[in-house]
């Protein structure tokens, strides 16, 4: 029901904002990783892992996260050393840029459980690293960066409803249109320019050239986020599932709500670490 969906959305937004701005850095890392673990479990359901395989995948991801926070130089209030973030989030960015587009085009099936586990790791771990790293830099910056995806999705929805005619990927997600994608990109372009002009410190830009580069980069990230949405939709369609889970009334599962962020956060983390700090 629409009322259930709206109530859940309001609660989610309040919870995210409260956690982002009120929790100490360590607790933000813990709480955000709990969501990642739920998403990891949902991934094993989509890919039809056997019970033992699902347990190994989820526990293994928890163990890897524990190892990450014990890396020399890591601090909850400052994040990881820049090279680690660049390597892990950079590999994830290449996955979304190079691997996912042909995967979506040819609709490759996920027949191997080891590959499904590797892809699940690629989806979730770099995104969590980005959440922790960006929040350590600035809660406001992380919120501004996540808003890129939310604005792109909202603008795409309303544009698609109003003028959408040409289907983007009808065999994966029938509701998406090229007009919607264009509307989402335009919405983010305007948002990025306003953000840079109103709060230049949030995105670390100054000067016409830097503002233009930032706006184009944000727009590119918004377009990349569409790949995250489509990739999860493809996996669900192969599995014969409508939602990744039912933990969020009216919204499905955690993966259903963060799929676009999974593609957008790694390149944002790389850019923030390398260019902004």
C-alpha atoms as a PDB file:
ATOM      1  CA  UNK A   1       0.000   0.000   0.000  1.00  0.00           C
ATOM      2  CA  UNK A   2       1.101   3.567  -0.687  1.00  0.00           C
ATOM      3  CA  UNK A   3       0.659   4.608   2.966  1.00  0.00           C
ATOM      4  CA  UNK A   4       2.954   1.785   4.120  1.00  0.00           C
ATOM      5  CA  UNK A   5       5.545   2.765   1.535  1.00  0.00           C
ATOM      6  CA  UNK A   6       5.455   6.414   2.626  1.00  0.00           C
ATOM      7  CA  UNK A   7       5.687   5.585   6.338  1.00  0.00           C
ATOM      8  CA  UNK A   8       8.641   3.277   5.740  1.00  0.00           C
ATOM      9  CA  UNK A   9      10.376   5.925   3.631  1.00  0.00           C
ATOM     10  CA  UNK A  10       9.923   8.586   6.324  1.00  0.00           C
ATOM     11  CA  UNK A  11      11.283   6.272   9.002  1.00  0.00           C
ATOM     12  CA  UNK A  12      14.237   5.313   6.812  1.00  0.00           C
ATOM     13  CA  UNK A  13      15.143   8.913   6.040  1.00  0.00           C
ATOM     14  CA  UNK A  14      14.925   9.868   9.713  1.00  0.00           C
ATOM     15  CA  UNK A  15      17.027   6.864  10.712  1.00  0.00           C
ATOM     16  CA  UNK A  16      19.706   7.578   8.110  1.00  0.00           C
ATOM     17  CA  UNK A  17      19.942  11.267   9.014  1.00  0.00           C
ATOM     18  CA  UNK A  18      20.027  10.495  12.724  1.00  0.00           C
ATOM     19  CA  UNK A  19      22.738   7.885  12.320  1.00  0.00           C
ATOM     20  CA  UNK A  20      24.745  10.052   9.928  1.00  0.00           C
ATOM     21  CA  UNK A  21      24.860  13.161  12.098  1.00  0.00           C
ATOM     22  CA  UNK A  22      24.415  11.857  15.644  1.00  0.00           C
ATOM     23  CA  UNK A  23      26.259   8.561  15.909  1.00  0.00           C
ATOM     24  CA  UNK A  24      29.978   8.496  16.747  1.00  0.00           C
ATOM     25  CA  UNK A  25      32.144   7.385  13.795  1.00  0.00           C
ATOM     26  CA  UNK A  26      32.620   3.873  15.180  1.00  0.00           C
ATOM     27  CA  UNK A  27      28.899   3.310  15.584  1.00  0.00           C
ATOM     28  CA  UNK A  28      28.204   4.673  12.106  1.00  0.00           C
ATOM     29  CA  UNK A  29      30.621   2.054  10.748  1.00  0.00           C
ATOM     30  CA  UNK A  30      28.942  -0.700  12.773  1.00  0.00           C
ATOM     31  CA  UNK A  31      25.354   0.244  11.953  1.00  0.00           C
ATOM     32  CA  UNK A  32      26.061   0.735   8.256  1.00  0.00           C
ATOM     33  CA  UNK A  33      27.795  -2.627   8.127  1.00  0.00           C
ATOM     34  CA  UNK A  34      24.792  -4.326   9.713  1.00  0.00           C
ATOM     35  CA  UNK A  35      22.784  -3.112   6.724  1.00  0.00           C
ATOM     36  CA  UNK A  36      25.499  -4.490   4.451  1.00  0.00           C
ATOM     37  CA  UNK A  37      25.213  -7.874   6.158  1.00  0.00           C
ATOM     38  CA  UNK A  38      21.449  -7.893   5.569  1.00  0.00           C
ATOM     39  CA  UNK A  39      22.096  -7.015   1.920  1.00  0.00           C
ATOM     40  CA  UNK A  40      24.691  -9.811   1.776  1.00  0.00           C
ATOM     41  CA  UNK A  41      22.123 -12.298   3.014  1.00  0.00           C
ATOM     42  CA  UNK A  42      19.641 -11.055   0.427  1.00  0.00           C
ATOM     43  CA  UNK A  43      22.297 -11.511  -2.251  1.00  0.00           C
ATOM     44  CA  UNK A  44      22.722 -15.154  -1.265  1.00  0.00           C
ATOM     45  CA  UNK A  45      18.945 -15.605  -1.590  1.00  0.00           C
ATOM     46  CA  UNK A  46      18.898 -14.030  -5.047  1.00  0.00           C
ATOM     47  CA  UNK A  47      21.783 -16.213  -6.183  1.00  0.00           C
ATOM     48  CA  UNK A  48      20.264 -19.285  -4.486  1.00  0.00           C
ATOM     49  CA  UNK A  49      23.229 -20.126  -2.299  1.00  0.00           C
ATOM     50  CA  UNK A  50      22.791 -23.286  -0.227  1.00  0.00           C
ATOM     51  CA  UNK A  51      22.413 -22.636   3.511  1.00  0.00           C
ATOM     52  CA  UNK A  52      26.050 -23.422   4.291  1.00  0.00           C
ATOM     53  CA  UNK A  53      27.283 -21.309   1.391  1.00  0.00           C
ATOM     54  CA  UNK A  54      25.133 -18.384   2.489  1.00  0.00           C
ATOM     55  CA  UNK A  55      26.463 -18.614   6.045  1.00  0.00           C
ATOM     56  CA  UNK A  56      30.063 -18.770   4.820  1.00  0.00           C
ATOM     57  CA  UNK A  57      29.508 -15.755   2.560  1.00  0.00           C
ATOM     58  CA  UNK A  58      27.910 -13.581   5.246  1.00  0.00           C
ATOM     59  CA  UNK A  59      30.331 -14.609   8.018  1.00  0.00           C
ATOM     60  CA  UNK A  60      33.272 -14.214   5.666  1.00  0.00           C
ATOM     61  CA  UNK A  61      32.186 -10.687   4.820  1.00  0.00           C
ATOM     62  CA  UNK A  62      31.974  -9.882   8.518  1.00  0.00           C
ATOM     63  CA  UNK A  63      35.444 -11.301   9.086  1.00  0.00           C
ATOM     64  CA  UNK A  64      36.828  -9.250   6.190  1.00  0.00           C
ATOM     65  CA  UNK A  65      35.282  -6.082   7.596  1.00  0.00           C
ATOM     66  CA  UNK A  66      36.874  -6.849  10.971  1.00  0.00           C
ATOM     67  CA  UNK A  67      40.227  -7.238   9.252  1.00  0.00           C
ATOM     68  CA  UNK A  68      39.737  -3.944   7.426  1.00  0.00           C
ATOM     69  CA  UNK A  69      39.168  -1.953  10.614  1.00  0.00           C
ATOM     70  CA  UNK A  70      42.382  -3.439  12.004  1.00  0.00           C
ATOM     71  CA  UNK A  71      44.502  -2.317   9.067  1.00  0.00           C
ATOM     72  CA  UNK A  72      47.428  -0.164  10.255  1.00  0.00           C
ATOM     73  CA  UNK A  73      46.565   3.491   9.853  1.00  0.00           C
ATOM     74  CA  UNK A  74      42.817   3.030  10.079  1.00  0.00           C
ATOM     75  CA  UNK A  75      40.882   5.269  12.441  1.00  0.00           C
ATOM     76  CA  UNK A  76      37.091   5.488  12.634  1.00  0.00           C
ATOM     77  CA  UNK A  77      37.256   9.276  12.723  1.00  0.00           C
ATOM     78  CA  UNK A  78      39.657   9.531   9.776  1.00  0.00           C
ATOM     79  CA  UNK A  79      39.057   6.427   7.706  1.00  0.00           C
ATOM     80  CA  UNK A  80      41.591   4.263   5.902  1.00  0.00           C
ATOM     81  CA  UNK A  81      44.887   5.236   4.288  1.00  0.00           C
ATOM     82  CA  UNK A  82      44.165   6.736   0.880  1.00  0.00           C
ATOM     83  CA  UNK A  83      45.913   3.975  -1.150  1.00  0.00           C
ATOM     84  CA  UNK A  84      43.631   1.275   0.297  1.00  0.00           C
ATOM     85  CA  UNK A  85      40.493   3.253  -0.551  1.00  0.00           C
ATOM     86  CA  UNK A  86      41.740   4.030  -4.048  1.00  0.00           C
ATOM     87  CA  UNK A  87      42.639   0.396  -4.759  1.00  0.00           C
ATOM     88  CA  UNK A  88      39.454  -1.252  -3.472  1.00  0.00           C
ATOM     89  CA  UNK A  89      36.989   1.413  -4.580  1.00  0.00           C
ATOM     90  CA  UNK A  90      38.916   1.887  -7.819  1.00  0.00           C
ATOM     91  CA  UNK A  91      38.586  -1.809  -8.672  1.00  0.00           C
ATOM     92  CA  UNK A  92      34.866  -1.603  -7.898  1.00  0.00           C
ATOM     93  CA  UNK A  93      34.536   1.459 -10.140  1.00  0.00           C
ATOM     94  CA  UNK A  94      36.198  -0.425 -12.996  1.00  0.00           C
ATOM     95  CA  UNK A  95      33.788  -3.304 -12.398  1.00  0.00           C
ATOM     96  CA  UNK A  96      30.809  -0.970 -12.844  1.00  0.00           C
ATOM     97  CA  UNK A  97      32.331   0.816 -15.839  1.00  0.00           C
ATOM     98  CA  UNK A  98      33.876  -2.093 -17.738  1.00  0.00           C
ATOM     99  CA  UNK A  99      32.215  -5.342 -16.648  1.00  0.00           C
ATOM    100  CA  UNK A 100      28.608  -4.419 -15.908  1.00  0.00           C
ATOM    101  CA  UNK A 101      27.617  -2.703 -19.208  1.00  0.00           C
ATOM    102  CA  UNK A 102      28.313  -5.786 -21.393  1.00  0.00           C
ATOM    103  CA  UNK A 103      26.862  -7.990 -18.653  1.00  0.00           C
ATOM    104  CA  UNK A 104      23.620  -6.050 -18.883  1.00  0.00           C
ATOM    105  CA  UNK A 105      23.694  -5.950 -22.677  1.00  0.00           C
ATOM    106  CA  UNK A 106      24.143  -9.707 -23.102  1.00  0.00           C
ATOM    107  CA  UNK A 107      22.217 -10.565 -19.906  1.00  0.00           C
ATOM    108  CA  UNK A 108      24.818 -13.103 -18.847  1.00  0.00           C
ATOM    109  CA  UNK A 109      23.474 -15.646 -16.354  1.00  0.00           C
ATOM    110  CA  UNK A 110      25.198 -16.071 -12.997  1.00  0.00           C
ATOM    111  CA  UNK A 111      25.831 -19.813 -13.128  1.00  0.00           C
ATOM    112  CA  UNK A 112      28.839 -20.078 -10.805  1.00  0.00           C
ATOM    113  CA  UNK A 113      28.486 -19.681  -7.041  1.00  0.00           C
ATOM    114  CA  UNK A 114      32.145 -18.613  -6.628  1.00  0.00           C
ATOM    115  CA  UNK A 115      31.597 -15.869  -9.217  1.00  0.00           C
ATOM    116  CA  UNK A 116      28.353 -14.875  -7.473  1.00  0.00           C
ATOM    117  CA  UNK A 117      30.271 -14.623  -4.191  1.00  0.00           C
ATOM    118  CA  UNK A 118      33.012 -12.528  -5.819  1.00  0.00           C
ATOM    119  CA  UNK A 119      30.447 -10.212  -7.437  1.00  0.00           C
ATOM    120  CA  UNK A 120      28.573  -9.895  -4.143  1.00  0.00           C
ATOM    121  CA  UNK A 121      31.805  -8.866  -2.465  1.00  0.00           C
ATOM    122  CA  UNK A 122      32.452  -6.362  -5.275  1.00  0.00           C
ATOM    123  CA  UNK A 123      29.003  -4.860  -4.804  1.00  0.00           C
ATOM    124  CA  UNK A 124      28.953  -4.535  -1.033  1.00  0.00           C
ATOM    125  CA  UNK A 125      32.417  -4.183   0.511  1.00  0.00           C
ATOM    126  CA  UNK A 126      33.648  -1.173  -1.528  1.00  0.00           C
ATOM    127  CA  UNK A 127      30.329   0.593  -0.958  1.00  0.00           C
ATOM    128  CA  UNK A 128      30.685   0.115   2.807  1.00  0.00           C
ATOM    129  CA  UNK A 129      34.270   1.377   2.708  1.00  0.00           C
ATOM    130  CA  UNK A 130      32.997   4.444   0.849  1.00  0.00           C
ATOM    131  CA  UNK A 131      30.272   5.021   3.456  1.00  0.00           C
ATOM    132  CA  UNK A 132      32.775   4.951   6.299  1.00  0.00           C
ATOM    133  CA  UNK A 133      35.440   6.961   4.479  1.00  0.00           C
ATOM    134  CA  UNK A 134      33.137   9.710   3.245  1.00  0.00           C
ATOM    135  CA  UNK A 135      31.445  10.036   6.618  1.00  0.00           C
ATOM    136  CA  UNK A 136      34.859  10.365   8.264  1.00  0.00           C
ATOM    137  CA  UNK A 137      35.666  13.215   5.886  1.00  0.00           C
ATOM    138  CA  UNK A 138      32.323  14.957   6.429  1.00  0.00           C
ATOM    139  CA  UNK A 139      28.779  13.788   7.206  1.00  0.00           C
ATOM    140  CA  UNK A 140      27.487  16.649   5.086  1.00  0.00           C
ATOM    141  CA  UNK A 141      29.597  15.565   2.119  1.00  0.00           C
ATOM    142  CA  UNK A 142      28.351  11.984   2.360  1.00  0.00           C
ATOM    143  CA  UNK A 143      24.752  13.202   2.486  1.00  0.00           C
ATOM    144  CA  UNK A 144      25.354  15.481  -0.499  1.00  0.00           C
ATOM    145  CA  UNK A 145      26.901  12.606  -2.454  1.00  0.00           C
ATOM    146  CA  UNK A 146      24.097  10.158  -1.637  1.00  0.00           C
ATOM    147  CA  UNK A 147      21.618  12.829  -2.692  1.00  0.00           C
ATOM    148  CA  UNK A 148      23.036  12.549  -6.222  1.00  0.00           C
ATOM    149  CA  UNK A 149      21.490   9.093  -6.480  1.00  0.00           C
ATOM    150  CA  UNK A 150      18.242  10.046  -4.769  1.00  0.00           C
ATOM    151  CA  UNK A 151      17.743  13.097  -6.989  1.00  0.00           C
ATOM    152  CA  UNK A 152      18.622  11.144 -10.124  1.00  0.00           C
ATOM    153  CA  UNK A 153      16.123   8.430  -9.217  1.00  0.00           C
ATOM    154  CA  UNK A 154      13.350  10.901  -8.359  1.00  0.00           C
ATOM    155  CA  UNK A 155      13.881  13.081 -11.430  1.00  0.00           C
ATOM    156  CA  UNK A 156      14.040   9.992 -13.650  1.00  0.00           C
ATOM    157  CA  UNK A 157      10.795   8.653 -12.204  1.00  0.00           C
ATOM    158  CA  UNK A 158       8.781  11.810 -12.793  1.00  0.00           C
ATOM    159  CA  UNK A 159      10.326  12.503 -16.195  1.00  0.00           C
ATOM    160  CA  UNK A 160       9.677   8.946 -17.280  1.00  0.00           C
ATOM    161  CA  UNK A 161       6.081   9.131 -16.087  1.00  0.00           C
ATOM    162  CA  UNK A 162       5.542  12.416 -17.936  1.00  0.00           C
ATOM    163  CA  UNK A 163       7.248  11.884 -21.288  1.00  0.00           C
ATOM    164  CA  UNK A 164       8.909   8.459 -21.231  1.00  0.00           C
ATOM    165  CA  UNK A 165       8.405   6.464 -24.429  1.00  0.00           C
ATOM    166  CA  UNK A 166      11.627   4.703 -25.425  1.00  0.00           C
ATOM    167  CA  UNK A 167      12.390   1.766 -23.161  1.00  0.00           C
ATOM    168  CA  UNK A 168      15.895   1.638 -21.693  1.00  0.00           C
ATOM    169  CA  UNK A 169      16.134  -2.092 -20.949  1.00  0.00           C
ATOM    170  CA  UNK A 170      12.682  -3.646 -21.388  1.00  0.00           C
ATOM    171  CA  UNK A 171      13.889  -7.199 -20.727  1.00  0.00           C
ATOM    172  CA  UNK A 172      15.478  -6.185 -17.435  1.00  0.00           C
ATOM    173  CA  UNK A 173      13.430  -3.289 -16.053  1.00  0.00           C
ATOM    174  CA  UNK A 174      10.392  -2.499 -18.254  1.00  0.00           C
ATOM    175  CA  UNK A 175       9.534   0.723 -16.436  1.00  0.00           C
ATOM    176  CA  UNK A 176      12.782   2.561 -17.208  1.00  0.00           C
ATOM    177  CA  UNK A 177      13.006   4.845 -20.231  1.00  0.00           C
ATOM    178  CA  UNK A 178      15.737   6.798 -21.968  1.00  0.00           C
ATOM    179  CA  UNK A 179      13.765   9.971 -21.307  1.00  0.00           C
ATOM    180  CA  UNK A 180      13.749   9.139 -17.605  1.00  0.00           C
ATOM    181  CA  UNK A 181      17.517   8.645 -17.601  1.00  0.00           C
ATOM    182  CA  UNK A 182      17.967  11.986 -19.345  1.00  0.00           C
ATOM    183  CA  UNK A 183      15.671  13.669 -16.839  1.00  0.00           C
ATOM    184  CA  UNK A 184      17.594  12.163 -13.948  1.00  0.00           C
ATOM    185  CA  UNK A 185      20.902  13.345 -15.400  1.00  0.00           C
ATOM    186  CA  UNK A 186      19.524  16.850 -15.942  1.00  0.00           C
ATOM    187  CA  UNK A 187      18.217  16.980 -12.386  1.00  0.00           C
ATOM    188  CA  UNK A 188      21.614  16.009 -10.997  1.00  0.00           C
ATOM    189  CA  UNK A 189      23.409  18.515 -13.210  1.00  0.00           C
ATOM    190  CA  UNK A 190      21.272  21.319 -11.778  1.00  0.00           C
ATOM    191  CA  UNK A 191      21.682  19.973  -8.240  1.00  0.00           C
ATOM    192  CA  UNK A 192      25.472  19.738  -8.583  1.00  0.00           C
ATOM    193  CA  UNK A 193      25.766  23.309  -9.850  1.00  0.00           C
ATOM    194  CA  UNK A 194      23.545  24.686  -7.076  1.00  0.00           C
ATOM    195  CA  UNK A 195      25.442  22.670  -4.447  1.00  0.00           C
ATOM    196  CA  UNK A 196      28.814  23.907  -5.689  1.00  0.00           C
ATOM    197  CA  UNK A 197      27.687  27.520  -5.792  1.00  0.00           C
ATOM    198  CA  UNK A 198      25.851  27.457  -2.445  1.00  0.00           C
ATOM    199  CA  UNK A 199      28.245  25.269  -0.403  1.00  0.00           C
ATOM    200  CA  UNK A 200      31.572  25.036  -2.268  1.00  0.00           C
ATOM    201  CA  UNK A 201      33.362  23.548   0.751  1.00  0.00           C
ATOM    202  CA  UNK A 202      31.143  20.476   0.722  1.00  0.00           C
ATOM    203  CA  UNK A 203      32.433  19.409  -2.681  1.00  0.00           C
ATOM    204  CA  UNK A 204      35.760  21.230  -2.461  1.00  0.00           C
ATOM    205  CA  UNK A 205      35.472  23.280  -5.623  1.00  0.00           C
ATOM    206  CA  UNK A 206      36.418  26.835  -6.456  1.00  0.00           C
ATOM    207  CA  UNK A 207      36.485  28.523  -9.826  1.00  0.00           C
ATOM    208  CA  UNK A 208      34.419  28.049 -12.947  1.00  0.00           C
ATOM    209  CA  UNK A 209      36.469  25.168 -14.325  1.00  0.00           C
ATOM    210  CA  UNK A 210      36.354  23.170 -11.089  1.00  0.00           C
ATOM    211  CA  UNK A 211      32.610  23.724 -10.697  1.00  0.00           C
ATOM    212  CA  UNK A 212      31.960  22.593 -14.270  1.00  0.00           C
ATOM    213  CA  UNK A 213      34.140  19.507 -13.788  1.00  0.00           C
ATOM    214  CA  UNK A 214      32.344  18.637 -10.561  1.00  0.00           C
ATOM    215  CA  UNK A 215      28.908  19.021 -12.171  1.00  0.00           C
ATOM    216  CA  UNK A 216      29.885  16.776 -15.075  1.00  0.00           C
ATOM    217  CA  UNK A 217      31.381  14.204 -12.711  1.00  0.00           C
ATOM    218  CA  UNK A 218      28.235  14.160 -10.558  1.00  0.00           C
ATOM    219  CA  UNK A 219      26.137  13.691 -13.689  1.00  0.00           C
ATOM    220  CA  UNK A 220      28.357  10.790 -14.786  1.00  0.00           C
ATOM    221  CA  UNK A 221      27.962   9.201 -11.349  1.00  0.00           C
ATOM    222  CA  UNK A 222      24.189   9.560 -11.651  1.00  0.00           C
ATOM    223  CA  UNK A 223      24.299   7.745 -14.984  1.00  0.00           C
ATOM    224  CA  UNK A 224      26.492   5.025 -13.461  1.00  0.00           C
ATOM    225  CA  UNK A 225      23.977   4.571 -10.647  1.00  0.00           C
ATOM    226  CA  UNK A 226      21.473   3.392 -13.273  1.00  0.00           C
ATOM    227  CA  UNK A 227      23.772   0.426 -13.880  1.00  0.00           C
ATOM    228  CA  UNK A 228      23.516  -0.498 -10.205  1.00  0.00           C
ATOM    229  CA  UNK A 229      19.741  -0.481 -10.387  1.00  0.00           C
ATOM    230  CA  UNK A 230      19.652  -2.509 -13.613  1.00  0.00           C
ATOM    231  CA  UNK A 231      22.250  -5.022 -12.429  1.00  0.00           C
ATOM    232  CA  UNK A 232      20.258  -5.914  -9.326  1.00  0.00           C
ATOM    233  CA  UNK A 233      17.073  -6.058 -11.421  1.00  0.00           C
ATOM    234  CA  UNK A 234      18.756  -8.490 -13.809  1.00  0.00           C
ATOM    235  CA  UNK A 235      19.784 -10.787 -10.957  1.00  0.00           C
ATOM    236  CA  UNK A 236      16.270 -10.731  -9.486  1.00  0.00           C
ATOM    237  CA  UNK A 237      14.713 -11.416 -12.876  1.00  0.00           C
ATOM    238  CA  UNK A 238      16.977 -14.442 -13.334  1.00  0.00           C
ATOM    239  CA  UNK A 239      15.965 -15.665  -9.888  1.00  0.00           C
ATOM    240  CA  UNK A 240      12.257 -15.038 -10.519  1.00  0.00           C
ATOM    241  CA  UNK A 241      12.075 -12.571  -7.615  1.00  0.00           C
ATOM    242  CA  UNK A 242      10.249  -9.254  -7.465  1.00  0.00           C
ATOM    243  CA  UNK A 243      12.095  -7.941  -4.388  1.00  0.00           C
ATOM    244  CA  UNK A 244      15.410  -8.847  -2.788  1.00  0.00           C
ATOM    245  CA  UNK A 245      13.666  -9.262   0.578  1.00  0.00           C
ATOM    246  CA  UNK A 246      10.777  -8.103   2.732  1.00  0.00           C
ATOM    247  CA  UNK A 247      12.499  -6.401   5.645  1.00  0.00           C
ATOM    248  CA  UNK A 248      11.314  -2.936   4.548  1.00  0.00           C
ATOM    249  CA  UNK A 249       7.485  -2.826   4.330  1.00  0.00           C
ATOM    250  CA  UNK A 250       6.394  -1.426   0.996  1.00  0.00           C
ATOM    251  CA  UNK A 251       9.970  -1.241  -0.283  1.00  0.00           C
ATOM    252  CA  UNK A 252      11.183  -4.839  -0.377  1.00  0.00           C
ATOM    253  CA  UNK A 253      14.700  -5.544   0.805  1.00  0.00           C
ATOM    254  CA  UNK A 254      17.818  -3.558   1.650  1.00  0.00           C
ATOM    255  CA  UNK A 255      19.379  -4.307  -1.742  1.00  0.00           C
ATOM    256  CA  UNK A 256      16.309  -2.854  -3.430  1.00  0.00           C
ATOM    257  CA  UNK A 257      16.963   0.462  -1.704  1.00  0.00           C
ATOM    258  CA  UNK A 258      20.745   0.669  -2.096  1.00  0.00           C
ATOM    259  CA  UNK A 259      21.326  -0.890  -5.537  1.00  0.00           C
ATOM    260  CA  UNK A 260      22.034   2.444  -7.249  1.00  0.00           C
ATOM    261  CA  UNK A 261      24.251   3.594  -4.363  1.00  0.00           C
ATOM    262  CA  UNK A 262      26.397   0.483  -4.742  1.00  0.00           C
ATOM    263  CA  UNK A 263      27.571   1.729  -8.138  1.00  0.00           C
ATOM    264  CA  UNK A 264      27.798   5.407  -7.228  1.00  0.00           C
ATOM    265  CA  UNK A 265      29.643   5.347  -3.905  1.00  0.00           C
ATOM    266  CA  UNK A 266      33.002   3.807  -4.953  1.00  0.00           C
ATOM    267  CA  UNK A 267      33.884   6.440  -7.597  1.00  0.00           C
ATOM    268  CA  UNK A 268      32.714   9.187  -5.246  1.00  0.00           C
ATOM    269  CA  UNK A 269      35.030   7.838  -2.533  1.00  0.00           C
ATOM    270  CA  UNK A 270      37.977   7.674  -4.922  1.00  0.00           C
ATOM    271  CA  UNK A 271      37.395  11.242  -6.089  1.00  0.00           C
ATOM    272  CA  UNK A 272      36.934  12.506  -2.554  1.00  0.00           C
ATOM    273  CA  UNK A 273      40.110  10.840  -1.270  1.00  0.00           C
ATOM    274  CA  UNK A 274      42.269  11.860  -4.210  1.00  0.00           C
ATOM    275  CA  UNK A 275      40.951  15.348  -4.902  1.00  0.00           C
ATOM    276  CA  UNK A 276      39.230  16.655  -1.779  1.00  0.00           C
ATOM    277  CA  UNK A 277      40.448  15.023   1.420  1.00  0.00           C
END
